[in-house]
Amino acid sequence: MIEMDYETTLQGVRQWSLPMRVNFMQDMLSMISSEVTLPRQKRDTYSQALGLAASDDIIWTDEMVDLVIQEERMKKYGLGE
């Protein structure tokens, strides 16, 4: 294995063309990504779900919904059930 110090390597890389440096960088990132795993972020999904369900509105019952439907039918057709 050939060992070079960081500065010597960096000086050599600086002399390469831009496309060559970009390819080198992609290869380095590919090599590193296969060796490193990032920790997963923990999510507070319970609190998020509660926030989605939270509302200041009243909770409609089946009877309330039926009443609104009947009222709308009366407006539209003039009939009741």
C-alpha atoms as a PDB file:
ATOM      1  CA  MET A   1       0.000   0.000   0.000  1.00  0.00           C
ATOM      2  CA  ILE A   2       1.344   3.423  -0.954  1.00  0.00           C
ATOM      3  CA  GLU A   3       1.224   5.944   1.853  1.00  0.00           C
ATOM      4  CA  MET A   4       1.158   9.662   1.118  1.00  0.00           C
ATOM      5  CA  ASP A   5       0.526  12.475   3.464  1.00  0.00           C
ATOM      6  CA  TYR A   6      -2.629  14.509   3.056  1.00  0.00           C
ATOM      7  CA  GLU A   7      -0.968  17.712   1.813  1.00  0.00           C
ATOM      8  CA  THR A   8       1.038  15.913  -0.886  1.00  0.00           C
ATOM      9  CA  THR A   9      -2.098  14.157  -2.098  1.00  0.00           C
ATOM     10  CA  LEU A  10      -4.098  17.389  -2.064  1.00  0.00           C
ATOM     11  CA  GLN A  11      -1.406  19.215  -4.050  1.00  0.00           C
ATOM     12  CA  GLY A  12      -1.478  16.463  -6.669  1.00  0.00           C
ATOM     13  CA  VAL A  13      -5.257  16.514  -6.914  1.00  0.00           C
ATOM     14  CA  ARG A  14      -5.263  20.308  -7.377  1.00  0.00           C
ATOM     15  CA  GLN A  15      -3.251  19.829 -10.573  1.00  0.00           C
ATOM     16  CA  TRP A  16      -5.908  17.604 -12.139  1.00  0.00           C
ATOM     17  CA  SER A  17      -8.536  18.922 -14.541  1.00  0.00           C
ATOM     18  CA  LEU A  18     -11.955  19.816 -13.144  1.00  0.00           C
ATOM     19  CA  PRO A  19     -13.723  16.771 -14.656  1.00  0.00           C
ATOM     20  CA  MET A  20     -11.056  14.499 -13.205  1.00  0.00           C
ATOM     21  CA  ARG A  21     -11.455  16.083  -9.738  1.00  0.00           C
ATOM     22  CA  VAL A  22     -15.239  15.719  -9.950  1.00  0.00           C
ATOM     23  CA  ASN A  23     -14.907  12.025 -10.857  1.00  0.00           C
ATOM     24  CA  PHE A  24     -12.438  11.552  -8.024  1.00  0.00           C
ATOM     25  CA  MET A  25     -14.831  13.235  -5.595  1.00  0.00           C
ATOM     26  CA  GLN A  26     -17.705  11.011  -6.734  1.00  0.00           C
ATOM     27  CA  ASP A  27     -15.543   7.929  -6.252  1.00  0.00           C
ATOM     28  CA  MET A  28     -14.509   9.106  -2.781  1.00  0.00           C
ATOM     29  CA  LEU A  29     -18.096   9.809  -1.730  1.00  0.00           C
ATOM     30  CA  SER A  30     -19.205   6.441  -3.066  1.00  0.00           C
ATOM     31  CA  MET A  31     -16.449   4.701  -1.113  1.00  0.00           C
ATOM     32  CA  ILE A  32     -17.263   6.589   2.074  1.00  0.00           C
ATOM     33  CA  SER A  33     -21.028   6.079   1.819  1.00  0.00           C
ATOM     34  CA  SER A  34     -20.555   2.314   1.705  1.00  0.00           C
ATOM     35  CA  GLU A  35     -18.545   2.482   4.943  1.00  0.00           C
ATOM     36  CA  VAL A  36     -20.648   4.918   6.949  1.00  0.00           C
ATOM     37  CA  THR A  37     -24.224   4.599   8.098  1.00  0.00           C
ATOM     38  CA  LEU A  38     -25.977   7.661   9.401  1.00  0.00           C
ATOM     39  CA  PRO A  39     -28.172   7.345  12.479  1.00  0.00           C
ATOM     40  CA  ARG A  40     -31.876   7.567  11.751  1.00  0.00           C
ATOM     41  CA  GLN A  41     -33.629  10.572  13.157  1.00  0.00           C
ATOM     42  CA  LYS A  42     -36.207   9.689  15.734  1.00  0.00           C
ATOM     43  CA  ARG A  43     -39.579  11.187  15.036  1.00  0.00           C
ATOM     44  CA  ASP A  44     -42.177  12.061  17.573  1.00  0.00           C
ATOM     45  CA  THR A  45     -45.020  10.672  15.482  1.00  0.00           C
ATOM     46  CA  TYR A  46     -47.378  10.319  18.434  1.00  0.00           C
ATOM     47  CA  SER A  47     -47.289  14.060  19.138  1.00  0.00           C
ATOM     48  CA  GLN A  48     -47.592  14.815  15.443  1.00  0.00           C
ATOM     49  CA  ALA A  49     -50.654  12.576  15.149  1.00  0.00           C
ATOM     50  CA  LEU A  50     -52.259  14.239  18.137  1.00  0.00           C
ATOM     51  CA  GLY A  51     -51.583  17.612  16.574  1.00  0.00           C
ATOM     52  CA  LEU A  52     -53.281  16.561  13.356  1.00  0.00           C
ATOM     53  CA  ALA A  53     -56.318  15.285  15.222  1.00  0.00           C
ATOM     54  CA  ALA A  54     -56.549  18.298  17.520  1.00  0.00           C
ATOM     55  CA  SER A  55     -59.306  20.721  16.708  1.00  0.00           C
ATOM     56  CA  ASP A  56     -61.370  23.382  18.413  1.00  0.00           C
ATOM     57  CA  ASP A  57     -64.372  22.376  16.320  1.00  0.00           C
ATOM     58  CA  ILE A  58     -67.168  20.292  17.753  1.00  0.00           C
ATOM     59  CA  ILE A  59     -67.196  16.585  17.034  1.00  0.00           C
ATOM     60  CA  TRP A  60     -70.132  15.826  14.806  1.00  0.00           C
ATOM     61  CA  THR A  61     -72.388  12.973  15.826  1.00  0.00           C
ATOM     62  CA  ASP A  62     -74.303  10.807  13.365  1.00  0.00           C
ATOM     63  CA  GLU A  63     -77.513  12.548  14.395  1.00  0.00           C
ATOM     64  CA  MET A  64     -76.048  15.983  13.654  1.00  0.00           C
ATOM     65  CA  VAL A  65     -74.899  14.843  10.203  1.00  0.00           C
ATOM     66  CA  ASP A  66     -78.326  13.341   9.452  1.00  0.00           C
ATOM     67  CA  LEU A  67     -80.005  16.596  10.478  1.00  0.00           C
ATOM     68  CA  VAL A  68     -77.794  18.660   8.168  1.00  0.00           C
ATOM     69  CA  ILE A  69     -78.474  16.266   5.295  1.00  0.00           C
ATOM     70  CA  GLN A  70     -82.223  16.514   5.869  1.00  0.00           C
ATOM     71  CA  GLU A  71     -82.039  20.320   6.005  1.00  0.00           C
ATOM     72  CA  GLU A  72     -80.082  20.462   2.743  1.00  0.00           C
ATOM     73  CA  ARG A  73     -82.603  18.138   1.076  1.00  0.00           C
ATOM     74  CA  MET A  74     -85.402  20.403   2.225  1.00  0.00           C
ATOM     75  CA  LYS A  75     -83.646  23.404   0.706  1.00  0.00           C
ATOM     76  CA  LYS A  76     -82.973  21.618  -2.574  1.00  0.00           C
ATOM     77  CA  TYR A  77     -86.124  19.574  -3.103  1.00  0.00           C
ATOM     78  CA  GLY A  78     -88.617  20.941  -0.608  1.00  0.00           C
ATOM     79  CA  LEU A  79     -89.180  17.413   0.701  1.00  0.00           C
ATOM     80  CA  GLY A  80     -88.436  15.694   3.946  1.00  0.00           C
ATOM     81  CA  GLU A  81     -88.107  12.070   4.812  1.00  0.00           C
END
